[in-house]
Structures are given as structure tokens and as C-alpha cells.
């Protein structure tokens, strides 16, 4: 079993089973693109010809970037479903939150998008238990180059467990199924 932080991929995948009917079409397509890219990258990584494998991994990443482009163009996500993977207080007093999506991707706050104690969203986040299924909305944060900020440190991490910086506008707990 592979782990992303404290949440196993099998646990994250259960979100899709529990709330499959609740996933917006845009989220389903986003997750399908991630999973297709992951499969292409895994196939390339298994190639015993390292040169061909390296070229195929680069092509898989390029294909994934193209597939995700429509979702990342404006960076908006509305009504997506995930599970709270981590909640913490930053030294600034703002709330850090990490939400795992069914496909193993994560949306998380960073310093500038962390939730202020004066925000109504702060109380919701403070009350959330790890593993709580939530409906989330917001926008993905852009880096200094204007690109959506994907925080993985390695190429492999970018494919296997992409982590996007997010500015949440809503995190609403879903009713237990």
C-alpha cells in the first residue's frame, strides 16, 4: 500500500466509491487526466531502455500538462469532493489545510492562502476531523511565472501525488453516507 503523508491511496480512493455520484464532471475529468498521466508515466518508468524510458516519461508529463490545461486555465474549482488530510495552525495563527482528492492529488493552502482566523471558513476548518469528506471550492494559486503552483519536489511526485497550492473559498462537510 502506498502512502501520501498520513493518508493511504486506498483510503483516498474510497472517496470515489462513497461519493461517486457527487463528483462534478470537471473533477471527474481532472482525476481521469491525472490517472491517465500516472499510468503512462509508470509504463515509461518500467522501460528497461533508459533512454527510451526517459523520453517516454517526458512525453507522459507533457501529455498530462496538456490534459490538465483546460482545468488549470482559470484555476477555479467548484463543488469538488475530497477528504481532509491535515489541519494545522501556522505560526501566524492562520489555518493550514490539506485536502486529498480521489485520484491522489492534493489541494493545500500555503502561507499566502492560509485561512485567516477572522474568516468564517476558519471555524469550519478548525472543526474538521481528519478523514472528513468535504465539498470544496476555490482557486488554485499561481507562482511568480503565472503558472498554477504544483508543489512536488520531484518529477515522480508530480505524477504520483501532485500537490496544488489552493485558496479555498468553501469547505463544507458532506453528510455521512
Protein backbone atom coordinates (compact mmCIF):
# COMPACT_ATOMS: atom_id res chain seq x y z
CA UNK A 1 0.00 0.00 0.00
CA UNK A 2 1.42 3.41 -0.97
CA UNK A 3 1.08 6.35 1.37
CA UNK A 4 0.78 10.07 0.74
CA UNK A 5 1.56 11.71 4.03
CA UNK A 6 -0.76 10.06 6.54
CA UNK A 7 -3.47 9.07 4.04
CA UNK A 8 -3.12 5.86 2.03
CA UNK A 9 -4.12 5.92 -1.62
CA UNK A 10 -6.64 3.14 -0.97
CA UNK A 11 -8.34 5.32 1.66
CA UNK A 12 -8.33 8.32 -0.66
CA UNK A 13 -9.81 6.14 -3.42
CA UNK A 14 -12.76 5.32 -1.17
CA UNK A 15 -13.98 8.88 -1.64
CA UNK A 16 -14.88 8.00 -5.21
CA UNK A 17 -16.84 4.96 -4.05
CA UNK A 18 -18.67 6.80 -1.29
CA UNK A 19 -19.42 9.94 -3.27
CA UNK A 20 -19.10 8.90 -6.94
CA UNK A 21 -22.50 10.35 -7.76
CA UNK A 22 -21.47 13.63 -6.15
CA UNK A 23 -18.28 14.31 -8.13
CA UNK A 24 -18.70 17.21 -10.55
CA UNK A 25 -17.90 16.41 -14.17
CA UNK A 26 -14.90 18.77 -14.09
CA UNK A 27 -13.43 16.90 -11.12
CA UNK A 28 -14.04 13.51 -12.73
CA UNK A 29 -12.24 14.67 -15.88
CA UNK A 30 -9.40 16.21 -13.81
CA UNK A 31 -8.91 12.94 -11.92
CA UNK A 32 -9.10 10.88 -15.11
CA UNK A 33 -6.34 13.04 -16.62
CA UNK A 34 -4.19 12.54 -13.51
CA UNK A 35 -4.74 8.78 -13.55
CA UNK A 36 -4.06 8.51 -17.31
CA UNK A 37 -0.84 10.51 -16.89
CA UNK A 38 0.18 8.36 -13.94
CA UNK A 39 -0.35 5.15 -15.97
CA UNK A 40 1.66 6.48 -18.93
CA UNK A 41 4.48 7.57 -16.62
CA UNK A 42 4.53 4.18 -14.84
CA UNK A 43 4.74 2.37 -18.18
CA UNK A 44 7.62 4.63 -19.25
CA UNK A 45 9.42 4.15 -15.92
CA UNK A 46 9.26 0.37 -16.38
CA UNK A 47 11.01 0.54 -19.76
CA UNK A 48 14.37 -1.25 -19.49
CA UNK A 49 15.84 1.02 -22.19
CA UNK A 50 16.62 4.04 -20.01
CA UNK A 51 16.92 6.49 -22.90
CA UNK A 52 13.58 5.48 -24.39
CA UNK A 53 12.06 5.42 -20.88
CA UNK A 54 13.32 8.93 -20.13
CA UNK A 55 11.83 10.23 -23.38
CA UNK A 56 8.55 8.44 -22.69
CA UNK A 57 8.39 9.89 -19.14
CA UNK A 58 8.90 13.39 -20.56
CA UNK A 59 6.16 12.72 -23.13
CA UNK A 60 3.82 11.45 -20.36
CA UNK A 61 4.36 14.65 -18.37
CA UNK A 62 3.78 16.79 -21.46
CA UNK A 63 0.61 14.81 -22.22
CA UNK A 64 -0.58 15.29 -18.63
CA UNK A 65 0.09 19.04 -18.77
CA UNK A 66 -1.95 19.29 -21.97
CA UNK A 67 -4.78 17.22 -20.50
CA UNK A 68 -4.88 19.38 -17.35
CA UNK A 69 -4.62 22.71 -19.22
CA UNK A 70 -8.40 23.23 -19.52
CA UNK A 71 -8.85 22.69 -15.76
CA UNK A 72 -5.90 24.85 -14.79
CA UNK A 73 -6.57 27.72 -17.20
CA UNK A 74 -8.52 29.80 -14.71
CA UNK A 75 -7.63 27.69 -11.68
CA UNK A 76 -11.21 27.64 -10.38
CA UNK A 77 -12.78 24.57 -8.79
CA UNK A 78 -16.35 24.49 -7.52
CA UNK A 79 -18.13 21.80 -5.53
CA UNK A 80 -15.33 19.25 -5.80
CA UNK A 81 -15.19 16.39 -3.30
CA UNK A 82 -12.22 15.37 -1.17
CA UNK A 83 -11.20 14.34 2.33
CA UNK A 84 -9.47 16.47 4.92
CA UNK A 85 -5.96 15.03 5.21
CA UNK A 86 -4.41 17.58 7.57
CA UNK A 87 -5.33 20.70 9.53
CA UNK A 88 -2.78 22.78 11.43
CA UNK A 89 -2.22 26.24 12.79
CA UNK A 90 0.64 28.22 11.27
CA UNK A 91 2.84 30.49 13.43
CA UNK A 92 0.83 33.41 12.01
CA UNK A 93 -2.33 31.96 13.60
CA UNK A 94 -3.78 31.18 10.18
CA UNK A 95 -5.11 27.71 9.35
CA UNK A 96 -3.26 25.35 7.05
CA UNK A 97 -5.45 22.69 5.42
CA UNK A 98 -4.64 19.83 3.09
CA UNK A 99 -7.44 18.08 1.16
CA UNK A 100 -6.91 14.79 -0.68
CA UNK A 101 -8.84 14.19 -3.90
CA UNK A 102 -9.99 10.70 -5.00
CA UNK A 103 -7.21 10.48 -7.60
CA UNK A 104 -4.42 11.05 -5.09
CA UNK A 105 -3.87 14.71 -5.95
CA UNK A 106 -3.98 17.21 -3.11
CA UNK A 107 -5.07 20.81 -2.74
CA UNK A 108 -3.40 22.64 0.15
CA UNK A 109 -3.03 26.10 1.49
CA UNK A 110 0.32 27.87 1.56
CA UNK A 111 1.33 30.88 3.66
CA UNK A 112 -0.43 33.45 1.49
CA UNK A 113 -3.58 31.34 1.03
CA UNK A 114 -3.82 30.04 4.62
CA UNK A 115 -7.18 30.80 6.21
CA UNK A 116 -7.30 33.85 8.48
CA UNK A 117 -8.85 33.47 11.96
CA UNK A 118 -11.31 36.23 11.01
CA UNK A 119 -12.63 34.24 8.04
CA UNK A 120 -15.91 32.33 8.50
CA UNK A 121 -14.10 29.40 6.84
CA UNK A 122 -11.67 29.25 9.79
CA UNK A 123 -14.33 27.84 12.15
CA UNK A 124 -15.29 25.17 9.62
CA UNK A 125 -11.67 24.11 9.16
CA UNK A 126 -10.98 24.18 12.91
CA UNK A 127 -13.92 21.82 13.48
CA UNK A 128 -12.98 19.37 10.69
CA UNK A 129 -11.68 15.95 11.65
CA UNK A 130 -9.02 14.21 9.60
CA UNK A 131 -10.81 11.97 7.11
CA UNK A 132 -13.91 14.16 6.92
CA UNK A 133 -15.40 14.14 3.42
CA UNK A 134 -15.85 17.71 2.20
CA UNK A 135 -17.16 19.63 -0.77
CA UNK A 136 -14.57 22.25 -1.69
CA UNK A 137 -14.46 25.35 -3.83
CA UNK A 138 -11.81 27.96 -4.53
CA UNK A 139 -8.98 28.66 -6.90
CA UNK A 140 -5.52 27.31 -7.44
CA UNK A 141 -2.64 29.66 -6.62
CA UNK A 142 -0.26 30.84 -9.34
CA UNK A 143 3.51 31.03 -8.95
CA UNK A 144 5.69 34.00 -9.88
CA UNK A 145 5.72 32.87 -13.53
CA UNK A 146 1.91 32.87 -13.63
CA UNK A 147 1.63 29.09 -13.72
CA UNK A 148 -0.54 27.05 -11.35
CA UNK A 149 1.69 26.22 -8.39
CA UNK A 150 2.25 22.45 -8.19
CA UNK A 151 4.43 21.86 -5.12
CA UNK A 152 6.05 18.46 -5.70
CA UNK A 153 9.82 18.47 -5.47
CA UNK A 154 10.37 15.68 -7.97
CA UNK A 155 9.04 14.64 -11.36
CA UNK A 156 7.84 11.38 -9.84
CA UNK A 157 5.99 13.22 -7.06
CA UNK A 158 4.35 15.47 -9.61
CA UNK A 159 2.91 12.41 -11.32
CA UNK A 160 2.20 10.07 -8.41
CA UNK A 161 0.93 12.58 -5.84
CA UNK A 162 0.55 16.07 -7.31
CA UNK A 163 0.02 18.79 -4.70
CA UNK A 164 -1.50 22.08 -5.79
CA UNK A 165 -1.50 25.29 -3.74
CA UNK A 166 -5.08 26.39 -3.24
CA UNK A 167 -7.04 29.34 -1.92
CA UNK A 168 -10.24 27.79 -0.55
CA UNK A 169 -13.50 29.74 -0.56
CA UNK A 170 -15.61 26.85 0.76
CA UNK A 171 -15.06 23.59 2.61
CA UNK A 172 -18.37 22.04 3.59
CA UNK A 173 -18.56 18.68 5.37
CA UNK A 174 -20.59 16.08 3.46
CA UNK A 175 -23.27 14.12 5.25
CA UNK A 176 -22.18 10.65 6.27
CA UNK A 177 -23.25 8.00 3.79
